[in-house]
Structure formats: C-alpha cells, structure tokens
Amino acid sequence: MYIGDIIYQLFTILIPIVFIVAIIFFVRSSKKRKEQLDRIEKKLDKVSGQAPKQ
C-alpha cells in the first residue's frame, strides 16, 4: 500500500465519525444549556416572588 492510499482511507473513515461526534456534542450541549436556563429561570422566579412556570 502506498502512503497516499492510507491517508485517503483514514480520511474517509474519520470524516463520518467526526460528523457523528459533532452532532452528539451539539445535542448534548443544547440539552445542558436548556437545563441551565431552566434552573436560572426558577431562581429568578423565586427571587422576584412569582409563581414558577410549568
């Protein structure tokens, strides 16, 4: 095998893996961000004396 063939095969294997990992990272970070915003909103509601939203 030539070095060019090895590099090409590595790229063709790694590119889909990188996309999958990026999608998983994006979904997890979005979920964590939403949970954090919900916690902050509850704290603000508590401080301002409003009833928590459902």
N, C-alpha and C. Protein backbone atom coordinates (compact mmCIF):
# COMPACT_ATOMS: atom_id res chain seq x y z
N MET A 1 0.84 -1.19 0.00
CA MET A 1 0.00 0.00 0.00
C MET A 1 0.87 1.24 0.00
N TYR A 2 0.39 2.22 -0.69
CA TYR A 2 1.10 3.49 -0.73
C TYR A 2 0.59 4.39 0.39
N ILE A 3 1.42 5.33 0.78
CA ILE A 3 1.07 6.25 1.86
C ILE A 3 -0.16 7.08 1.50
N GLY A 4 -0.32 7.43 0.24
CA GLY A 4 -1.49 8.19 -0.20
C GLY A 4 -2.77 7.41 -0.01
N ASP A 5 -2.73 6.11 -0.27
CA ASP A 5 -3.90 5.26 -0.07
C ASP A 5 -4.29 5.18 1.41
N ILE A 6 -3.28 5.09 2.25
CA ILE A 6 -3.53 5.01 3.69
C ILE A 6 -4.15 6.32 4.19
N ILE A 7 -3.62 7.44 3.75
CA ILE A 7 -4.16 8.74 4.17
C ILE A 7 -5.59 8.90 3.67
N TYR A 8 -5.86 8.51 2.44
CA TYR A 8 -7.21 8.61 1.89
C TYR A 8 -8.19 7.75 2.69
N GLN A 9 -7.80 6.53 3.02
CA GLN A 9 -8.68 5.65 3.79
C GLN A 9 -8.93 6.21 5.19
N LEU A 10 -7.91 6.78 5.81
CA LEU A 10 -8.10 7.38 7.13
C LEU A 10 -9.10 8.54 7.07
N PHE A 11 -8.98 9.38 6.05
CA PHE A 11 -9.92 10.50 5.91
C PHE A 11 -11.33 10.01 5.65
N THR A 12 -11.49 9.01 4.80
CA THR A 12 -12.83 8.53 4.50
C THR A 12 -13.47 7.84 5.70
N ILE A 13 -12.67 7.33 6.60
CA ILE A 13 -13.21 6.73 7.83
C ILE A 13 -13.47 7.81 8.88
N LEU A 14 -12.57 8.77 8.99
CA LEU A 14 -12.67 9.76 10.06
C LEU A 14 -13.73 10.83 9.81
N ILE A 15 -13.99 11.19 8.58
CA ILE A 15 -14.95 12.27 8.29
C ILE A 15 -16.35 11.92 8.81
N PRO A 16 -16.91 10.75 8.52
CA PRO A 16 -18.24 10.44 9.09
C PRO A 16 -18.23 10.37 10.62
N ILE A 17 -17.14 9.86 11.18
CA ILE A 17 -17.04 9.77 12.64
C ILE A 17 -17.03 11.17 13.25
N VAL A 18 -16.31 12.10 12.64
CA VAL A 18 -16.25 13.48 13.13
C VAL A 18 -17.63 14.12 13.07
N PHE A 19 -18.38 13.88 11.98
CA PHE A 19 -19.73 14.44 11.88
C PHE A 19 -20.64 13.88 12.96
N ILE A 20 -20.57 12.59 13.22
CA ILE A 20 -21.41 11.96 14.24
C ILE A 20 -21.07 12.52 15.62
N VAL A 21 -19.79 12.62 15.92
CA VAL A 21 -19.36 13.16 17.22
C VAL A 21 -19.80 14.62 17.36
N ALA A 22 -19.71 15.40 16.29
CA ALA A 22 -20.12 16.80 16.35
C ALA A 22 -21.62 16.91 16.61
N ILE A 23 -22.41 16.07 15.98
CA ILE A 23 -23.87 16.10 16.19
C ILE A 23 -24.19 15.72 17.62
N ILE A 24 -23.55 14.68 18.14
CA ILE A 24 -23.79 14.26 19.53
C ILE A 24 -23.39 15.37 20.48
N PHE A 25 -22.25 16.00 20.25
CA PHE A 25 -21.80 17.10 21.10
C PHE A 25 -22.80 18.26 21.08
N PHE A 26 -23.29 18.61 19.90
CA PHE A 26 -24.25 19.71 19.76
C PHE A 26 -25.54 19.40 20.52
N VAL A 27 -26.05 18.19 20.38
CA VAL A 27 -27.30 17.81 21.05
C VAL A 27 -27.12 17.84 22.57
N ARG A 28 -26.03 17.27 23.05
CA ARG A 28 -25.79 17.25 24.50
C ARG A 28 -25.60 18.65 25.07
N SER A 29 -24.85 19.50 24.36
CA SER A 29 -24.64 20.85 24.87
C SER A 29 -25.93 21.66 24.83
N SER A 30 -26.77 21.44 23.82
CA SER A 30 -28.06 22.13 23.77
C SER A 30 -28.94 21.71 24.94
N LYS A 31 -28.95 20.43 25.25
CA LYS A 31 -29.75 19.93 26.37
C LYS A 31 -29.25 20.51 27.70
N LYS A 32 -27.94 20.53 27.89
CA LYS A 32 -27.38 21.09 29.12
C LYS A 32 -27.68 22.58 29.23
N ARG A 33 -27.60 23.30 28.11
CA ARG A 33 -27.88 24.73 28.12
C ARG A 33 -29.33 24.99 28.51
N LYS A 34 -30.25 24.18 27.97
CA LYS A 34 -31.66 24.35 28.31
C LYS A 34 -31.91 24.08 29.78
N GLU A 35 -31.29 23.01 30.31
CA GLU A 35 -31.44 22.71 31.73
C GLU A 35 -30.90 23.85 32.59
N GLN A 36 -29.76 24.41 32.20
CA GLN A 36 -29.19 25.52 32.96
C GLN A 36 -30.09 26.74 32.91
N LEU A 37 -30.65 27.04 31.75
CA LEU A 37 -31.56 28.18 31.65
C LEU A 37 -32.82 27.96 32.48
N ASP A 38 -33.32 26.72 32.54
CA ASP A 38 -34.48 26.42 33.37
C ASP A 38 -34.17 26.65 34.85
N ARG A 39 -32.97 26.23 35.28
CA ARG A 39 -32.58 26.45 36.69
C ARG A 39 -32.48 27.94 36.99
N ILE A 40 -31.89 28.71 36.09
CA ILE A 40 -31.76 30.15 36.30
C ILE A 40 -33.13 30.80 36.35
N GLU A 41 -34.04 30.37 35.46
CA GLU A 41 -35.39 30.94 35.45
C GLU A 41 -36.11 30.65 36.77
N LYS A 42 -35.96 29.45 37.30
CA LYS A 42 -36.59 29.11 38.57
C LYS A 42 -36.04 29.98 39.70
N LYS A 43 -34.73 30.20 39.69
CA LYS A 43 -34.13 31.04 40.73
C LYS A 43 -34.62 32.47 40.61
N LEU A 44 -34.72 32.99 39.40
CA LEU A 44 -35.22 34.35 39.22
C LEU A 44 -36.68 34.48 39.64
N ASP A 45 -37.48 33.47 39.32
CA ASP A 45 -38.88 33.48 39.75
C ASP A 45 -38.98 33.48 41.28
N LYS A 46 -38.11 32.68 41.90
CA LYS A 46 -38.13 32.60 43.36
C LYS A 46 -37.74 33.95 43.98
N VAL A 47 -36.72 34.59 43.42
CA VAL A 47 -36.25 35.88 43.95
C VAL A 47 -37.29 36.97 43.72
N SER A 48 -37.93 36.96 42.57
CA SER A 48 -38.89 38.01 42.25
C SER A 48 -40.26 37.75 42.87
N GLY A 49 -40.45 36.55 43.43
CA GLY A 49 -41.71 36.25 44.11
C GLY A 49 -42.82 35.77 43.19
N GLN A 50 -42.50 35.46 41.96
CA GLN A 50 -43.50 34.96 41.03
C GLN A 50 -43.66 33.46 41.19
N ALA A 51 -44.84 32.98 40.78
CA ALA A 51 -45.07 31.54 40.78
C ALA A 51 -44.27 30.91 39.65
N PRO A 52 -43.66 29.74 39.89
CA PRO A 52 -42.89 29.09 38.82
C PRO A 52 -43.78 28.67 37.65
N LYS A 53 -43.23 28.77 36.45
CA LYS A 53 -43.97 28.38 35.25
C LYS A 53 -43.87 26.88 35.06
N GLN A 54 -44.89 26.33 34.46
CA GLN A 54 -44.88 24.88 34.21
C GLN A 54 -44.53 24.58 32.79
